[in-house]
Amino acid sequence: MSSSESRLPSYLGLGSVLAVALCTLWLALAGHLDLYINPRYAVFTVVLAAVAVPAAVAGLVVVARGHGHDHDHDEHEHEHRRSGAVRRTRAVLGGAAALVTIGVTVAMLVLPPTTLSARTAQQRSVDSATLSNATGSEAAVSLLGSTSVDTSEYGVKDWAALIRQTTDTSSLVGKRVRLTGFVVPGSDGSFTLTRFVISCCAVDAQPVGLGVVTDGTVPDEGRWVRVTGALAANPDQSADARIVIRAASVQAIQQPEDPYEY
């Protein structure tokens, strides 16, 4: 194996670290980092990326300088051990890896950041059995049997966790809600008002939602809406969800600046 071939993994590894670190810093400067990670980890992530940039550059310099000292020796010592076909294969694979790294970096810098979609929510199953783990909303249970709890700041996550954790949902019927989320279409004039909950980063994002029954037209899939109404018993007795929102109004809105809940 030639010296240049043996150092290829080092170049690719350090180059990938540098690319990811630069993209992270760019997202932070552009104010888009919270589309990918929980804000509580933002400072740690930015500091780590800031350290990784000079470290990766220094590593690349060291590898490049080392290449010059032993190039001739390695060439004569190992050239006969590898056939031309093997070397070409390694070169092609190394080039492909480099192109992927460059492509990801360019895409991160050029393409606009996007949020997780309604289709992703359907694929990950809205309100799966892991809902309570995703939300961690133990405080919401204090609402049961109490009229003194302020629910004005409750989001989709809080109400969804509360409904799931409650055995007697009759005390929730009639509670007024005003919630924002995107549309995952259902059937018979219903849809699920959905938000993604991020514990750490977008990879572990869990979709949570509340069923919405409306007498009007169901908005398009993925459309962001603000729903005003009251909690009611689900008219579909065969459905898993016992409580839905009986919508008084469904207003189309722009995607919020921070589309996730935490």
Protein backbone atom coordinates (compact mmCIF):
# COMPACT_ATOMS: atom_id res chain seq x y z
CA MET A 1 0.00 0.00 0.00
CA SER A 2 1.41 3.41 -0.94
CA SER A 3 1.85 6.17 1.60
CA SER A 4 -0.90 8.24 0.01
CA GLU A 5 -3.30 5.31 0.17
CA SER A 6 -2.48 4.55 3.80
CA ARG A 7 -3.15 8.15 4.75
CA LEU A 8 -6.44 8.36 2.85
CA PRO A 9 -8.58 7.34 5.87
CA SER A 10 -6.89 10.05 7.96
CA TYR A 11 -7.60 12.70 5.33
CA LEU A 12 -11.22 11.60 4.99
CA GLY A 13 -11.80 11.32 8.74
CA LEU A 14 -10.29 14.70 9.57
CA GLY A 15 -11.97 16.27 6.55
CA SER A 16 -15.35 14.95 7.66
CA VAL A 17 -14.84 16.30 11.19
CA LEU A 18 -13.90 19.69 9.74
CA ALA A 19 -16.91 19.71 7.42
CA VAL A 20 -19.39 18.80 10.18
CA ALA A 21 -17.88 21.36 12.57
CA LEU A 22 -18.04 24.16 9.99
CA CYS A 23 -21.65 23.28 9.12
CA THR A 24 -22.57 23.30 12.81
CA LEU A 25 -21.05 26.74 13.32
CA TRP A 26 -22.81 28.05 10.22
CA LEU A 27 -26.17 26.73 11.44
CA ALA A 28 -25.56 28.39 14.81
CA LEU A 29 -24.67 31.74 13.20
CA ALA A 30 -27.69 31.52 10.90
CA GLY A 31 -29.99 30.74 13.83
CA HIS A 32 -31.01 27.33 12.47
CA LEU A 33 -29.23 25.01 14.88
CA ASP A 34 -32.41 24.52 16.92
CA LEU A 35 -33.96 22.81 13.89
CA TYR A 36 -31.59 19.92 14.51
CA ILE A 37 -30.91 19.75 18.26
CA ASN A 38 -32.58 20.59 21.55
CA PRO A 39 -31.68 24.21 22.47
CA ARG A 40 -30.33 23.13 25.85
CA TYR A 41 -27.46 21.43 24.02
CA ALA A 42 -26.72 24.37 21.70
CA VAL A 43 -23.91 25.97 23.72
CA PHE A 44 -22.13 22.65 24.24
CA THR A 45 -22.45 21.80 20.54
CA VAL A 46 -21.11 25.17 19.39
CA VAL A 47 -18.15 25.00 21.78
CA LEU A 48 -17.35 21.47 20.62
CA ALA A 49 -17.52 22.55 16.96
CA ALA A 50 -15.32 25.59 17.63
CA VAL A 51 -12.68 23.31 19.17
CA ALA A 52 -12.99 20.74 16.38
CA VAL A 53 -12.20 23.21 13.58
CA PRO A 54 -8.62 24.11 14.59
CA ALA A 55 -8.01 20.55 15.81
CA ALA A 56 -9.03 19.07 12.45
CA VAL A 57 -6.96 21.64 10.53
CA ALA A 58 -3.92 20.88 12.70
CA GLY A 59 -4.44 17.16 12.13
CA LEU A 60 -4.57 17.62 8.35
CA VAL A 61 -1.34 19.64 8.46
CA VAL A 62 0.40 16.94 10.49
CA VAL A 63 -0.74 14.18 8.12
CA ALA A 64 0.33 16.19 5.07
CA ARG A 65 3.79 16.91 6.50
CA GLY A 66 4.31 13.30 7.47
CA HIS A 67 3.53 12.27 3.91
CA GLY A 68 6.63 14.00 2.58
CA HIS A 69 9.12 12.20 4.87
CA ASP A 70 8.32 8.62 4.09
CA HIS A 71 6.76 8.78 0.66
CA ASP A 72 9.70 7.40 -1.33
CA HIS A 73 10.46 4.66 1.19
CA ASP A 74 6.89 3.44 1.30
CA GLU A 75 6.56 3.56 -2.46
CA HIS A 76 9.54 1.26 -3.05
CA GLU A 77 8.74 -1.03 -0.12
CA HIS A 78 5.08 -1.71 -0.73
CA GLU A 79 4.31 -0.94 -4.34
CA HIS A 80 4.78 -4.54 -5.44
CA ARG A 81 2.31 -5.78 -2.82
CA ARG A 82 -0.73 -4.26 -4.41
CA SER A 83 -1.95 -4.86 -7.91
CA GLY A 84 -3.06 -1.97 -10.06
CA ALA A 85 -6.68 -3.12 -9.87
CA VAL A 86 -6.72 -3.02 -6.06
CA ARG A 87 -5.16 0.43 -5.99
CA ARG A 88 -7.68 1.72 -8.49
CA THR A 89 -10.54 0.28 -6.44
CA ARG A 90 -9.29 1.97 -3.29
CA ALA A 91 -8.86 5.23 -5.17
CA VAL A 92 -12.43 5.04 -6.49
CA LEU A 93 -13.84 4.29 -3.04
CA GLY A 94 -11.77 7.05 -1.47
CA GLY A 95 -12.89 9.50 -4.12
CA ALA A 96 -16.52 8.53 -3.62
CA ALA A 97 -16.19 9.06 0.14
CA ALA A 98 -14.59 12.45 -0.46
CA LEU A 99 -17.38 13.45 -2.86
CA VAL A 100 -20.03 12.42 -0.33
CA THR A 101 -18.34 14.50 2.37
CA ILE A 102 -18.08 17.51 0.07
CA GLY A 103 -21.65 17.02 -1.15
CA VAL A 104 -23.08 16.93 2.38
CA THR A 105 -21.12 20.06 3.29
CA VAL A 106 -22.27 21.98 0.21
CA ALA A 107 -25.88 20.85 0.74
CA MET A 108 -25.83 22.05 4.35
CA LEU A 109 -24.48 25.44 3.30
CA VAL A 110 -26.64 25.96 0.19
CA LEU A 111 -29.97 24.24 0.80
CA PRO A 112 -32.38 25.89 3.26
CA PRO A 113 -32.82 23.99 6.55
CA THR A 114 -36.13 22.17 6.75
CA THR A 115 -38.19 20.72 9.56
CA LEU A 116 -39.46 17.18 9.90
CA SER A 117 -42.54 16.60 7.78
CA ALA A 118 -46.03 15.21 8.23
CA ARG A 119 -44.96 12.13 6.28
CA THR A 120 -42.18 11.55 8.79
CA ALA A 121 -44.74 11.83 11.59
CA GLN A 122 -46.84 9.13 9.96
CA GLN A 123 -43.79 6.89 9.51
CA ARG A 124 -42.81 7.29 13.17
CA SER A 125 -46.37 6.74 14.40
CA VAL A 126 -47.99 9.73 16.10
CA ASP A 127 -48.61 9.12 19.81
CA SER A 128 -46.81 5.81 19.98
CA ALA A 129 -46.29 3.93 23.24
CA THR A 130 -43.09 5.95 23.79
CA LEU A 131 -45.03 9.20 24.13
CA SER A 132 -44.60 9.55 27.87
CA ASN A 133 -40.87 8.94 27.52
CA ALA A 134 -40.62 11.59 24.83
CA THR A 135 -42.49 14.24 26.76
CA GLY A 136 -41.51 13.65 30.36
CA SER A 137 -44.60 15.67 31.32
CA GLU A 138 -45.26 14.47 34.86
CA ALA A 139 -46.40 17.93 36.03
CA ALA A 140 -49.37 17.87 33.66
CA VAL A 141 -51.08 15.20 35.77
CA SER A 142 -51.65 17.81 38.47
CA LEU A 143 -54.45 19.18 36.31
CA LEU A 144 -56.71 16.24 37.18
CA GLY A 145 -59.49 17.16 39.56
CA SER A 146 -58.19 20.72 39.86
CA THR A 147 -59.56 23.99 38.54
CA SER A 148 -56.68 26.13 39.77
CA VAL A 149 -54.02 24.88 37.34
CA ASP A 150 -53.17 27.32 34.56
CA THR A 151 -53.30 25.44 31.27
CA SER A 152 -52.93 28.48 29.02
CA GLU A 153 -49.32 27.58 28.25
CA TYR A 154 -49.97 23.90 27.64
CA GLY A 155 -48.85 22.75 24.21
CA VAL A 156 -49.74 19.72 22.14
CA LYS A 157 -47.14 17.70 24.03
CA ASP A 158 -48.62 18.53 27.43
CA TRP A 159 -52.22 17.76 26.51
CA ALA A 160 -51.25 14.58 24.68
CA ALA A 161 -49.23 13.33 27.64
CA LEU A 162 -52.00 14.25 30.07
CA ILE A 163 -54.65 12.38 28.09
CA ARG A 164 -52.44 9.30 27.78
CA GLN A 165 -51.59 9.25 31.50
CA THR A 166 -55.19 9.72 32.65
CA THR A 167 -57.46 6.79 33.40
CA ASP A 168 -60.58 8.94 33.89
CA THR A 169 -60.71 11.44 31.03
CA SER A 170 -64.20 12.73 31.85
CA SER A 171 -62.63 15.52 33.94
CA LEU A 172 -60.95 16.82 30.80
CA VAL A 173 -64.08 17.16 28.72
CA GLY A 174 -64.92 20.81 28.11
CA LYS A 175 -61.40 22.13 28.78
CA ARG A 176 -60.69 25.00 26.39
CA VAL A 177 -57.59 24.75 24.21
CA ARG A 178 -55.79 26.93 21.69
CA LEU A 179 -53.02 24.94 20.08
CA THR A 180 -50.66 25.17 17.12
CA GLY A 181 -49.36 22.28 15.03
CA PHE A 182 -49.29 20.75 11.58
CA VAL A 183 -51.92 18.56 9.96
CA VAL A 184 -51.75 14.80 9.64
CA PRO A 185 -55.01 13.94 7.83
CA GLY A 186 -57.45 11.42 9.26
CA SER A 187 -60.85 10.37 7.98
CA ASP A 188 -64.43 11.61 8.15
CA GLY A 189 -63.61 15.28 8.66
CA SER A 190 -60.87 14.74 11.24
CA PHE A 191 -57.12 15.19 11.44
CA THR A 192 -54.34 14.97 13.99
CA LEU A 193 -52.82 18.23 15.19
CA THR A 194 -49.17 17.23 15.49
CA ARG A 195 -45.86 18.52 16.83
CA PHE A 196 -42.46 16.87 17.03
CA VAL A 197 -40.91 16.62 20.49
CA ILE A 198 -37.11 16.64 20.55
CA SER A 199 -35.29 15.16 23.53
CA CYS A 200 -31.78 15.48 22.10
CA CYS A 201 -31.76 15.96 18.33
CA ALA A 202 -33.94 15.57 15.25
CA VAL A 203 -32.94 11.91 14.94
CA ASP A 204 -34.86 11.01 18.12
CA ALA A 205 -37.79 13.36 17.44
CA GLN A 206 -41.11 11.83 18.50
CA PRO A 207 -44.37 13.03 16.88
CA VAL A 208 -47.20 13.66 19.33
CA GLY A 209 -50.67 14.86 18.53
CA LEU A 210 -54.31 15.37 19.34
CA GLY A 211 -57.23 14.34 17.19
CA VAL A 212 -59.29 17.24 15.87
CA VAL A 213 -62.92 16.98 14.75
CA THR A 214 -64.15 19.85 12.63
CA ASP A 215 -67.29 20.65 10.68
CA GLY A 216 -65.20 22.51 8.12
CA THR A 217 -62.71 21.39 5.48
CA VAL A 218 -59.71 19.45 6.68
CA PRO A 219 -56.54 21.44 5.82
CA ASP A 220 -53.93 19.94 3.53
CA GLU A 221 -51.38 17.50 4.91
CA GLY A 222 -48.44 19.25 6.54
CA ARG A 223 -50.25 22.60 6.77
CA TRP A 224 -49.59 24.55 9.96
CA VAL A 225 -52.79 25.60 11.73
CA ARG A 226 -54.00 27.11 14.99
CA VAL A 227 -56.94 25.22 16.46
CA THR A 228 -59.29 26.78 18.97
CA GLY A 229 -61.92 24.65 20.66
CA ALA A 230 -62.64 22.35 23.57
CA LEU A 231 -61.74 18.83 24.55
CA ALA A 232 -64.51 16.34 23.95
CA ALA A 233 -65.11 12.61 24.05
CA ASN A 234 -64.11 10.99 20.79
CA PRO A 235 -67.28 10.31 18.76
CA ASP A 236 -65.51 7.33 17.22
CA GLN A 237 -65.82 4.81 20.04
CA SER A 238 -63.63 2.30 18.21
CA ALA A 239 -60.63 4.68 18.11
CA ASP A 240 -57.73 4.38 20.53
CA ALA A 241 -57.85 8.10 21.35
CA ARG A 242 -60.52 8.74 23.99
CA ILE A 243 -60.34 12.53 23.81
CA VAL A 244 -60.29 14.83 20.77
CA ILE A 245 -60.57 18.55 20.16
CA ARG A 246 -63.96 19.72 18.97
CA ALA A 247 -62.73 22.65 16.87
CA ALA A 248 -64.53 25.96 16.95
CA SER A 249 -62.04 27.37 14.43
CA VAL A 250 -59.09 26.12 12.40
CA GLN A 251 -56.86 28.93 11.19
CA ALA A 252 -54.04 28.40 8.68
CA ILE A 253 -50.77 30.01 9.82
CA GLN A 254 -47.12 30.15 8.84
CA GLN A 255 -44.73 27.65 10.35
CA PRO A 256 -43.58 28.97 13.76
CA GLU A 257 -39.99 30.13 14.13
CA ASP A 258 -39.46 27.25 16.53
CA PRO A 259 -41.56 24.36 15.18
CA TYR A 260 -40.61 21.81 17.82
CA GLU A 261 -41.59 21.21 21.43
CA TYR A 262 -39.13 20.05 24.09
